[in-house]
Protein backbone atom coordinates (compact mmCIF):
# COMPACT_ATOMS: atom_id res chain seq x y z
CA UNK A 1 -25.43 4.86 17.76
CA UNK A 2 -22.73 6.50 15.90
CA UNK A 3 -22.35 5.35 12.16
CA UNK A 4 -19.24 7.76 11.34
CA UNK A 5 -16.47 5.25 12.55
CA UNK A 6 -16.09 1.41 12.78
CA UNK A 7 -17.09 0.17 16.43
CA UNK A 8 -15.02 -2.21 18.69
CA UNK A 9 -16.61 -4.97 17.62
CA UNK A 10 -16.21 -4.15 13.93
CA UNK A 11 -12.43 -3.15 14.37
CA UNK A 12 -11.88 -6.79 15.81
CA UNK A 13 -13.79 -8.37 13.27
CA UNK A 14 -11.97 -6.71 10.82
CA UNK A 15 -8.58 -7.12 11.66
CA UNK A 16 -9.18 -10.97 12.66
CA UNK A 17 -10.68 -11.90 9.71
CA UNK A 18 -8.24 -10.05 7.24
CA UNK A 19 -5.15 -11.82 9.41
CA UNK A 20 -7.27 -15.31 8.44
CA UNK A 21 -7.69 -14.24 4.87
CA UNK A 22 -3.93 -12.93 4.85
CA UNK A 23 -2.26 -16.01 6.03
CA UNK A 24 -4.14 -18.63 3.46
CA UNK A 25 -3.37 -16.11 0.37
CA UNK A 26 0.05 -16.01 1.39
CA UNK A 27 0.48 -19.43 1.39
CA UNK A 28 -1.13 -19.57 -2.34
CA UNK A 29 0.94 -16.41 -3.55
CA UNK A 30 4.47 -17.98 -2.18
CA UNK A 31 4.36 -20.95 -4.58
CA UNK A 32 3.24 -18.88 -7.32
CA UNK A 33 7.14 -17.71 -8.13
CA UNK A 34 8.98 -20.37 -7.07
CA UNK A 35 7.20 -24.16 -8.20
CA UNK A 36 8.52 -24.11 -11.70
CA UNK A 37 11.91 -23.02 -10.45
CA UNK A 38 12.57 -25.01 -7.08
CA UNK A 39 10.02 -27.92 -8.01
CA UNK A 40 11.97 -29.98 -10.65
CA UNK A 41 13.55 -32.48 -8.27
CA UNK A 42 10.10 -34.00 -7.95
CA UNK A 43 9.54 -37.53 -9.44
CA UNK A 44 7.63 -37.64 -12.68
CA UNK A 45 7.86 -33.76 -13.07
CA UNK A 46 6.85 -32.10 -16.42
CA UNK A 47 5.74 -28.50 -17.26
CA UNK A 48 2.23 -29.67 -17.31
CA UNK A 49 2.10 -31.44 -14.19
CA UNK A 50 3.83 -28.11 -12.71
CA UNK A 51 0.80 -26.17 -14.14
CA UNK A 52 -1.90 -28.59 -12.79
CA UNK A 53 -0.16 -28.44 -9.36
CA UNK A 54 -0.51 -24.71 -9.13
CA UNK A 55 -3.73 -24.70 -11.07
CA UNK A 56 -5.32 -27.66 -8.72
CA UNK A 57 -5.66 -25.13 -5.86
CA UNK A 58 -7.78 -22.72 -7.75
CA UNK A 59 -10.17 -25.14 -9.32
CA UNK A 60 -10.78 -26.77 -6.17
CA UNK A 61 -11.76 -23.54 -4.74
CA UNK A 62 -14.04 -22.64 -7.34
CA UNK A 63 -15.87 -25.80 -7.30
CA UNK A 64 -16.58 -25.35 -3.35
CA UNK A 65 -17.17 -21.95 -2.67
CA UNK A 66 -20.78 -22.28 -3.22
CA UNK A 67 -21.31 -25.53 -1.18
CA UNK A 68 -19.11 -24.26 1.39
CA UNK A 69 -21.12 -20.69 1.54
CA UNK A 70 -24.45 -22.89 1.65
CA UNK A 71 -23.11 -25.05 4.45
CA UNK A 72 -22.37 -21.85 6.87
CA UNK A 73 -25.82 -20.51 6.05
CA UNK A 74 -27.00 -23.54 7.51
CA UNK A 75 -24.92 -24.62 10.10
CA UNK A 76 -22.89 -21.46 11.14
CA UNK A 77 -20.00 -19.69 10.02
CA UNK A 78 -17.13 -20.79 12.63
CA UNK A 79 -17.50 -24.48 11.89
CA UNK A 80 -17.07 -24.47 8.46
CA UNK A 81 -14.48 -22.08 8.51
CA UNK A 82 -12.21 -24.23 10.92
CA UNK A 83 -13.29 -27.26 8.96
CA UNK A 84 -11.83 -25.80 5.87
CA UNK A 85 -8.72 -24.55 7.80
CA UNK A 86 -8.25 -27.98 8.65
CA UNK A 87 -8.47 -29.57 5.33
CA UNK A 88 -6.25 -26.95 4.10
CA UNK A 89 -3.64 -28.09 6.68
CA UNK A 90 -3.78 -31.38 5.77
CA UNK A 91 -3.26 -30.60 2.14
CA UNK A 92 -0.48 -28.41 2.90
CA UNK A 93 1.30 -31.39 4.94
CA UNK A 94 0.70 -33.57 2.16
CA UNK A 95 2.30 -31.14 -0.41
CA UNK A 96 5.31 -31.01 2.02
CA UNK A 97 5.97 -34.56 2.39
CA UNK A 98 5.50 -35.39 -1.16
CA UNK A 99 8.10 -36.75 -3.18
CA UNK A 100 6.13 -36.85 -6.59
CA UNK A 101 4.60 -33.99 -8.49
CA UNK A 102 1.54 -36.07 -8.66
CA UNK A 103 1.26 -36.01 -4.97
CA UNK A 104 2.09 -31.94 -4.79
CA UNK A 105 -1.07 -31.65 -7.06
CA UNK A 106 -3.10 -33.70 -4.72
CA UNK A 107 -2.03 -31.78 -1.89
CA UNK A 108 -2.79 -28.47 -3.56
CA UNK A 109 -6.34 -29.76 -4.78
CA UNK A 110 -6.88 -30.74 -1.03
CA UNK A 111 -5.57 -27.18 0.36
CA UNK A 112 -8.32 -25.66 -2.36
CA UNK A 113 -10.93 -28.00 -0.84
CA UNK A 114 -10.82 -25.78 2.36
CA UNK A 115 -12.62 -23.04 0.19
CA UNK A 116 -13.46 -20.85 3.01
CA UNK A 117 -13.60 -17.46 1.54
CA UNK A 118 -17.27 -17.14 1.04
CA UNK A 119 -18.25 -18.24 4.79
CA UNK A 120 -15.51 -15.53 5.68
CA UNK A 121 -17.00 -13.03 3.85
CA UNK A 122 -20.36 -13.70 4.81
CA UNK A 123 -18.97 -13.46 8.85
CA UNK A 124 -17.67 -10.19 8.04
CA UNK A 125 -20.91 -9.10 6.78
CA UNK A 126 -23.01 -10.36 10.11
CA UNK A 127 -20.72 -8.48 12.12
CA UNK A 128 -20.69 -5.27 10.46
CA UNK A 129 -23.30 -2.37 9.85
CA UNK A 130 -24.22 -1.62 6.10
CA UNK A 131 -22.28 1.80 6.05
CA UNK A 132 -19.54 0.51 7.83
CA UNK A 133 -19.17 -2.64 5.24
CA UNK A 134 -16.83 -1.57 2.81
CA UNK A 135 -14.15 -0.37 5.24
CA UNK A 136 -14.21 -3.69 6.66
CA UNK A 137 -13.92 -5.37 3.16
CA UNK A 138 -11.03 -2.77 2.47
CA UNK A 139 -9.33 -4.16 5.31
CA UNK A 140 -9.74 -7.34 4.09
CA UNK A 141 -8.96 -6.57 0.58
CA UNK A 142 -5.84 -4.78 1.88
CA UNK A 143 -4.59 -7.76 3.66
CA UNK A 144 -4.82 -9.80 0.33
CA UNK A 145 -2.95 -7.18 -1.48
CA UNK A 146 -0.22 -7.04 1.19
CA UNK A 147 0.07 -10.83 1.39
CA UNK A 148 0.62 -10.87 -2.00
CA UNK A 149 3.76 -8.28 -1.55
CA UNK A 150 4.97 -9.94 1.02
CA UNK A 151 4.63 -13.27 -0.64
CA UNK A 152 6.74 -11.72 -3.65
CA UNK A 153 9.68 -11.49 -1.39
CA UNK A 154 9.21 -14.32 1.00
CA UNK A 155 8.53 -16.91 -1.25
CA UNK A 156 11.83 -17.17 -3.08
CA UNK A 157 13.70 -16.39 0.48
CA UNK A 158 11.99 -19.59 1.81
CA UNK A 159 12.29 -21.50 -1.32
CA UNK A 160 16.18 -20.93 -1.60
CA UNK A 161 16.67 -21.94 2.09
CA UNK A 162 14.06 -24.95 2.46
CA UNK A 163 13.17 -25.46 -1.01
CA UNK A 164 9.43 -25.91 -1.77
CA UNK A 165 8.89 -28.05 0.97
CA UNK A 166 9.71 -25.16 3.04
CA UNK A 167 6.87 -23.37 1.52
CA UNK A 168 4.41 -26.09 2.11
CA UNK A 169 5.08 -26.38 5.93
CA UNK A 170 4.93 -22.38 6.31
CA UNK A 171 1.51 -22.81 5.01
CA UNK A 172 0.40 -25.41 7.21
CA UNK A 173 2.15 -22.99 10.12
CA UNK A 174 -0.18 -20.18 8.85
CA UNK A 175 -3.36 -22.42 8.64
CA UNK A 176 -3.06 -23.39 12.22
CA UNK A 177 -2.26 -19.81 13.57
CA UNK A 178 -5.45 -19.05 11.61
CA UNK A 179 -7.71 -21.77 13.24
CA UNK A 180 -6.41 -20.23 16.59
CA UNK A 181 -7.54 -16.97 15.41
CA UNK A 182 -11.13 -17.98 14.40
CA UNK A 183 -11.82 -19.64 17.50
CA UNK A 184 -10.33 -17.46 20.18
CA UNK A 185 -10.33 -13.84 18.51
CA UNK A 186 -12.97 -13.54 16.12
CA UNK A 187 -16.24 -12.55 17.36
CA UNK A 188 -19.11 -14.95 17.58
CA UNK A 189 -22.64 -13.95 16.29
CA UNK A 190 -26.02 -15.80 15.79
CA UNK A 191 -27.50 -14.76 12.81
CA UNK A 192 -31.33 -14.66 11.69
CA UNK A 193 -33.50 -13.72 8.83
CA UNK A 194 -37.30 -13.58 8.47
CA UNK A 195 -39.05 -16.97 8.49
CA UNK A 196 -40.04 -16.82 4.68
CA UNK A 197 -36.41 -16.07 4.23
CA UNK A 198 -35.04 -19.76 4.23
CA UNK A 199 -31.62 -21.52 4.02
CA UNK A 200 -30.66 -21.60 0.43
CA UNK A 201 -31.92 -24.40 -1.63
CA UNK A 202 -30.46 -26.01 -4.82
CA UNK A 203 -33.18 -23.83 -6.68
CA UNK A 204 -32.55 -20.47 -4.37
CA UNK A 205 -28.78 -20.86 -5.34
CA UNK A 206 -29.99 -20.74 -9.10
CA UNK A 207 -32.03 -17.83 -8.23
CA UNK A 208 -29.03 -16.39 -6.56
CA UNK A 209 -26.66 -17.00 -10.06
CA UNK A 210 -29.71 -15.38 -11.92
CA UNK A 211 -30.26 -12.28 -10.22
CA UNK A 212 -29.43 -9.36 -12.53
CA UNK A 213 -27.37 -7.14 -10.00
CA UNK A 214 -25.76 -10.18 -8.32
CA UNK A 215 -25.15 -11.47 -11.84
CA UNK A 216 -23.36 -7.95 -12.68
CA UNK A 217 -21.13 -8.27 -9.52
CA UNK A 218 -20.16 -12.32 -10.04
CA UNK A 219 -18.99 -11.49 -13.94
CA UNK A 220 -17.29 -8.11 -12.51
CA UNK A 221 -15.04 -10.26 -10.01
CA UNK A 222 -14.38 -12.77 -12.70
CA UNK A 223 -13.22 -10.28 -14.88
CA UNK A 224 -11.32 -8.17 -12.34
CA UNK A 225 -9.22 -11.62 -11.35
CA UNK A 226 -9.22 -12.20 -14.93
CA UNK A 227 -7.30 -8.99 -15.72
CA UNK A 228 -4.53 -9.56 -12.74
CA UNK A 229 -3.79 -12.61 -13.44
CA UNK A 230 -3.43 -12.26 -17.38
CA UNK A 231 -1.04 -9.30 -16.26
CA UNK A 232 0.99 -11.28 -13.99
CA UNK A 233 2.01 -13.96 -16.57
CA UNK A 234 3.78 -11.52 -18.88
CA UNK A 235 4.65 -8.55 -16.34
CA UNK A 236 7.64 -10.31 -14.66
CA UNK A 237 9.15 -11.24 -17.68
CA UNK A 238 8.63 -7.53 -19.36
CA UNK A 239 10.18 -6.22 -16.06
CA UNK A 240 13.44 -8.49 -16.70
CA UNK A 241 13.60 -7.36 -20.44
CA UNK A 242 13.42 -3.71 -19.32
CA UNK A 243 16.46 -4.07 -17.08
CA UNK A 244 14.93 -5.02 -13.49
CA UNK A 245 16.48 -8.58 -12.43
CA UNK A 246 13.88 -10.75 -10.58
CA UNK A 247 15.20 -10.35 -7.13
CA UNK A 248 14.26 -6.85 -7.44
CA UNK A 249 10.91 -6.94 -8.53
CA UNK A 250 9.68 -6.51 -4.90
CA UNK A 251 11.14 -2.86 -4.73
CA UNK A 252 8.49 -2.32 -7.71
CA UNK A 253 5.86 -4.08 -5.99
CA UNK A 254 5.49 -2.94 -2.63
CA UNK A 255 5.58 0.81 -2.93
CA UNK A 256 2.85 0.42 -5.59
CA UNK A 257 0.74 -1.53 -3.57
CA UNK A 258 1.11 0.57 -0.16
CA UNK A 259 0.59 3.73 -2.17
CA UNK A 260 -2.35 2.32 -4.05
CA UNK A 261 -4.09 1.69 -0.83
CA UNK A 262 -3.45 5.24 0.28
CA UNK A 263 -4.72 6.63 -3.10
CA UNK A 264 -8.09 4.35 -2.68
CA UNK A 265 -9.22 6.04 0.50
CA UNK A 266 -10.34 9.18 -0.66
CA UNK A 267 -12.49 7.36 -3.52
CA UNK A 268 -13.80 5.25 -0.60
CA UNK A 269 -14.55 8.67 1.23
CA UNK A 270 -16.20 9.98 -1.58
CA UNK A 271 -18.15 7.10 -2.52
CA UNK A 272 -19.58 6.28 1.02
CA UNK A 273 -19.99 10.04 2.62
CA UNK A 274 -21.19 11.57 -0.43
CA UNK A 275 -23.25 8.75 -1.85
CA UNK A 276 -21.43 8.27 -5.35
CA UNK A 277 -21.03 4.70 -4.85
CA UNK A 278 -22.10 3.86 -8.57
CA UNK A 279 -20.00 6.92 -10.12
CA UNK A 280 -16.85 5.86 -8.22
CA UNK A 281 -17.28 1.95 -9.22
CA UNK A 282 -18.00 3.10 -12.75
CA UNK A 283 -14.93 5.41 -13.11
CA UNK A 284 -12.41 2.52 -11.34
CA UNK A 285 -13.71 0.31 -14.12
CA UNK A 286 -12.72 3.01 -16.53
CA UNK A 287 -9.43 3.33 -14.83
CA UNK A 288 -8.55 -0.13 -14.87
CA UNK A 289 -8.91 -0.13 -18.43
CA UNK A 290 -7.02 2.67 -19.07
CA UNK A 291 -4.20 1.94 -16.90
CA UNK A 292 -3.56 -1.47 -18.66
CA UNK A 293 -3.75 -0.06 -22.03
CA UNK A 294 -1.31 2.64 -21.19
CA UNK A 295 0.90 -0.56 -19.86
CA UNK A 296 0.60 -1.95 -23.18
CA UNK A 297 1.95 1.14 -24.89
CA UNK A 298 4.66 2.19 -22.47
CA UNK A 299 5.85 -1.32 -21.54
CA UNK A 300 9.51 -0.53 -22.21
CA UNK A 301 10.03 1.99 -19.56
CA UNK A 302 9.98 0.88 -15.64
CA UNK A 303 8.67 4.27 -14.43
CA UNK A 304 5.95 3.99 -16.92
CA UNK A 305 5.05 0.48 -15.90
CA UNK A 306 5.15 1.50 -11.94
CA UNK A 307 2.69 4.43 -12.66
CA UNK A 308 0.37 2.31 -14.78
CA UNK A 309 0.57 -0.38 -12.12
CA UNK A 310 -0.21 2.17 -9.60
CA UNK A 311 -3.35 3.28 -11.42
CA UNK A 312 -4.31 -0.29 -11.87
CA UNK A 313 -4.09 -1.23 -8.11
CA UNK A 314 -5.79 2.02 -7.00
CA UNK A 315 -8.95 1.02 -9.17
CA UNK A 316 -8.44 -2.96 -8.31
CA UNK A 317 -8.38 -2.32 -4.47
CA UNK A 318 -11.12 -0.23 -4.73
CA UNK A 319 -13.63 -2.73 -6.72
CA UNK A 320 -12.10 -5.53 -4.46
CA UNK A 321 -13.24 -4.11 -1.76
CA UNK A 322 -16.68 -2.75 -2.72
CA UNK A 323 -17.78 -5.63 -4.69
CA UNK A 324 -18.25 -7.77 -1.53
CA UNK A 325 -20.40 -5.43 0.36
CA UNK A 326 -22.69 -4.75 -2.67
CA UNK A 327 -23.29 -8.31 -2.71
CA UNK A 328 -24.06 -8.78 1.02
CA UNK A 329 -26.43 -5.87 0.68
CA UNK A 330 -28.24 -7.61 -2.35
CA UNK A 331 -28.51 -11.21 -1.19
CA UNK A 332 -31.24 -12.49 0.87
CA UNK A 333 -30.17 -12.20 4.70
CA UNK A 334 -30.20 -15.80 5.33
CA UNK A 335 -28.47 -16.65 2.01
CA UNK A 336 -25.64 -14.41 2.48
CA UNK A 337 -23.04 -17.28 2.65
CA UNK A 338 -24.72 -19.04 -0.79
CA UNK A 339 -24.20 -15.62 -2.50
CA UNK A 340 -20.78 -14.82 -1.25
CA UNK A 341 -20.04 -18.70 -2.39
CA UNK A 342 -21.17 -18.07 -6.13
CA UNK A 343 -19.27 -14.75 -5.91
CA UNK A 344 -16.36 -16.10 -4.73
CA UNK A 345 -16.29 -19.11 -6.98
CA UNK A 346 -16.35 -16.55 -9.98
CA UNK A 347 -13.37 -14.78 -8.68
CA UNK A 348 -11.36 -18.07 -8.48
CA UNK A 349 -12.52 -19.14 -12.07
CA UNK A 350 -11.65 -15.69 -13.02
CA UNK A 351 -8.16 -16.17 -12.16
CA UNK A 352 -8.17 -19.53 -13.37
CA UNK A 353 -9.46 -18.26 -17.06
CA UNK A 354 -6.90 -15.18 -16.87
CA UNK A 355 -3.79 -17.56 -16.24
CA UNK A 356 -5.09 -19.39 -19.51
CA UNK A 357 -5.67 -16.31 -21.65
CA UNK A 358 -2.29 -15.03 -20.50
CA UNK A 359 -0.71 -18.19 -21.18
CA UNK A 360 -1.95 -18.78 -24.62
CA UNK A 361 -1.53 -14.93 -25.56
CA UNK A 362 2.22 -14.77 -24.21
CA UNK A 363 2.90 -17.95 -26.09
CA UNK A 364 2.10 -16.36 -29.55
CA UNK A 365 2.45 -12.58 -29.22
CA UNK A 366 4.16 -10.34 -27.02
CA UNK A 367 3.22 -8.77 -23.56
CA UNK A 368 2.03 -5.64 -25.21
CA UNK A 369 -0.81 -7.82 -26.81
CA UNK A 370 -1.09 -9.51 -23.21
CA UNK A 371 -1.77 -5.94 -21.43
CA UNK A 372 -4.10 -4.98 -24.15
CA UNK A 373 -6.09 -8.01 -23.92
CA UNK A 374 -6.53 -7.03 -20.22
CA UNK A 375 -7.65 -3.70 -21.19
CA UNK A 376 -10.39 -4.99 -23.63
CA UNK A 377 -11.50 -7.13 -20.64
CA UNK A 378 -12.20 -4.08 -18.82
CA UNK A 379 -14.19 -2.55 -21.73
CA UNK A 380 -16.42 -5.75 -21.73
CA UNK A 381 -17.01 -5.20 -17.84
CA UNK A 382 -17.70 -1.33 -18.14
CA UNK A 383 -20.30 -2.15 -20.58
CA UNK A 384 -21.60 -5.22 -18.45
CA UNK A 385 -21.70 -2.74 -15.31
CA UNK A 386 -22.97 0.35 -16.95
CA UNK A 387 -26.58 -0.12 -15.85
CA UNK A 388 -26.06 -1.39 -12.36
CA UNK A 389 -28.00 -0.33 -9.30
CA UNK A 390 -26.89 0.37 -6.02
CA UNK A 391 -28.82 -1.14 -3.22
CA UNK A 392 -30.49 1.58 -0.64
CA UNK A 393 -28.62 1.30 2.83
CA UNK A 394 -30.79 0.29 5.50
CA UNK A 395 -30.62 1.49 9.10
CA UNK A 396 -29.06 -0.15 11.86
CA UNK A 397 -30.30 -0.34 15.26
CA UNK A 398 -27.93 -1.02 18.38
CA UNK A 399 -29.34 -2.60 21.49
CA UNK A 400 -27.52 -4.09 24.73
CA UNK A 401 -29.32 -7.46 25.73
CA UNK A 402 -29.29 -9.74 28.50
CA UNK A 403 -27.90 -13.11 27.00
CA UNK A 404 -25.97 -15.73 29.10
CA UNK A 405 -25.29 -18.40 26.13
CA UNK A 406 -25.61 -18.73 22.47
CA UNK A 407 -28.73 -20.84 22.72
CA UNK A 408 -30.30 -17.74 24.76
CA UNK A 409 -28.87 -15.53 21.79
CA UNK A 410 -30.53 -17.86 19.00
CA UNK A 411 -33.79 -17.61 20.63
CA UNK A 412 -33.63 -13.86 21.17
CA UNK A 413 -32.59 -13.51 17.39
CA UNK A 414 -35.41 -15.30 16.21
CA UNK A 415 -37.81 -13.36 18.33
CA UNK A 416 -36.46 -10.15 16.94
CA UNK A 417 -36.30 -11.13 13.22
CA UNK A 418 -40.23 -11.57 13.72
CA UNK A 419 -41.18 -7.96 14.34
CA UNK A 420 -42.25 -6.00 11.51
CA UNK A 421 -39.73 -3.73 9.79
CA UNK A 422 -37.06 -6.21 10.86
CA UNK A 423 -34.73 -7.28 7.84
CA UNK A 424 -32.11 -9.00 9.74
CA UNK A 425 -30.96 -9.67 13.52
CA UNK A 426 -27.54 -10.39 14.89
CA UNK A 427 -27.18 -11.32 18.39
CA UNK A 428 -23.39 -11.16 19.78
CA UNK A 429 -23.52 -13.32 23.15
CA UNK A 430 -20.16 -12.24 24.22
CA UNK A 431 -20.79 -8.05 23.73
CA UNK A 432 -24.27 -8.54 25.30
CA UNK A 433 -25.56 -6.64 22.26
CA UNK A 434 -27.77 -7.03 19.05
CA UNK A 435 -27.75 -5.16 15.55
CA UNK A 436 -30.93 -5.05 14.01
CA UNK A 437 -31.34 -4.30 10.14
CA UNK A 438 -34.58 -2.38 9.91
CA UNK A 439 -36.69 -0.63 7.41
CA UNK A 440 -37.32 2.58 9.32
CA UNK A 441 -40.63 2.96 7.98
CA UNK A 442 -42.19 0.08 9.56
CA UNK A 443 -39.81 -0.54 12.33
CA UNK A 444 -41.08 -0.18 15.88
CA UNK A 445 -38.31 0.59 18.22
CA UNK A 446 -40.51 0.23 21.54
CA UNK A 447 -41.45 -3.21 20.68
CA UNK A 448 -37.97 -4.39 19.86
CA UNK A 449 -37.14 -3.04 23.34
CA UNK A 450 -39.80 -4.65 25.38
CA UNK A 451 -38.86 -8.02 23.33
CA UNK A 452 -35.09 -7.49 24.45
CA UNK A 453 -36.35 -6.81 28.00
CA UNK A 454 -35.28 -3.09 27.93
CA UNK A 455 -38.85 -1.70 27.81
């Protein structure tokens, strides 16, 4: 089986899961530039409650990513994802119907309780091979970045025409579309790990948190999103001070985001094909820090800001795409959901802490100090990541199988994973194919074929 490109299953998984990610994040991002402006009509509104309404989503997301990831390990990815989207939809409707800022905050908290990021990332890992997983994560990361760019354009437009209520109704509709994508477009799979590799318990989750390499990645994604939210506390106002009107900011953001994705591609190719993942990873952290430091020194020039932000998002996009793939390679086979839960919680806590840090610094200092603080965060991350390791890639074998139901797929996956040398077995019933992650030194291909009825 060729490993040079995504196969049809991986392409379908990448596009469909990226769409679900994008729809959810679009709803979050659209609200950020408009709630403080268009939310003044709510009863009992105050700056404090505006902040709480925005932050409630991130807080509940961070608290529930680990439980939702654990549940996806135990009960399957799709049921948890669909349930989370239903809760997200209910929260959107409550916020859309709210007349008080208190109910807006409750709706936002419910939106966050639909914390499906860890389950989505784990499902993406289930459906992709090790060597192709960074590409799939890159597609997902790109969808999140594009949703941010689109939200900066659509959010103010929808709010100007329909108010904040219109934004919430839009998020509800997008969530329902996401449910349809999960049920009818995203491939189904049955994933099994060796008998000794059980579903994560509380103690197992503690071990995942303490795992030295996973801890580096969890802290890394926290610091990555801390830098981004810190930057965007002051960046929009700095652009206005430099002469770029608020309604024109998209003309800077969108070209920067799109070009950053283009420039990231060669780095991804070098990292994967030349087996230089660690070197490129460390380089991107350094680039992240240098770009924000340069931003603090040249913040009074629009063109300089554009170049600095381009370099920042080239690094950001590579790191955002690479880290989930590394988490899935380090995590025990049946505990990827729990590991992704810890990872996603760290991400949302990072965004929350970044908002706090940026707000405190912006209140007492100028934008240059805020940008310099982001650079220092990058330096701290560089120190943490310096001794990180890259896990070896396992070999993936693909076999055609005859399964007529999810039950048969489950039984076959359980049998295949018991074979010596099999690290993980994924059976995709609708594709009549199984994917085996194996240790090539111990794996017996003929034994697998016989068990699958091919020998």
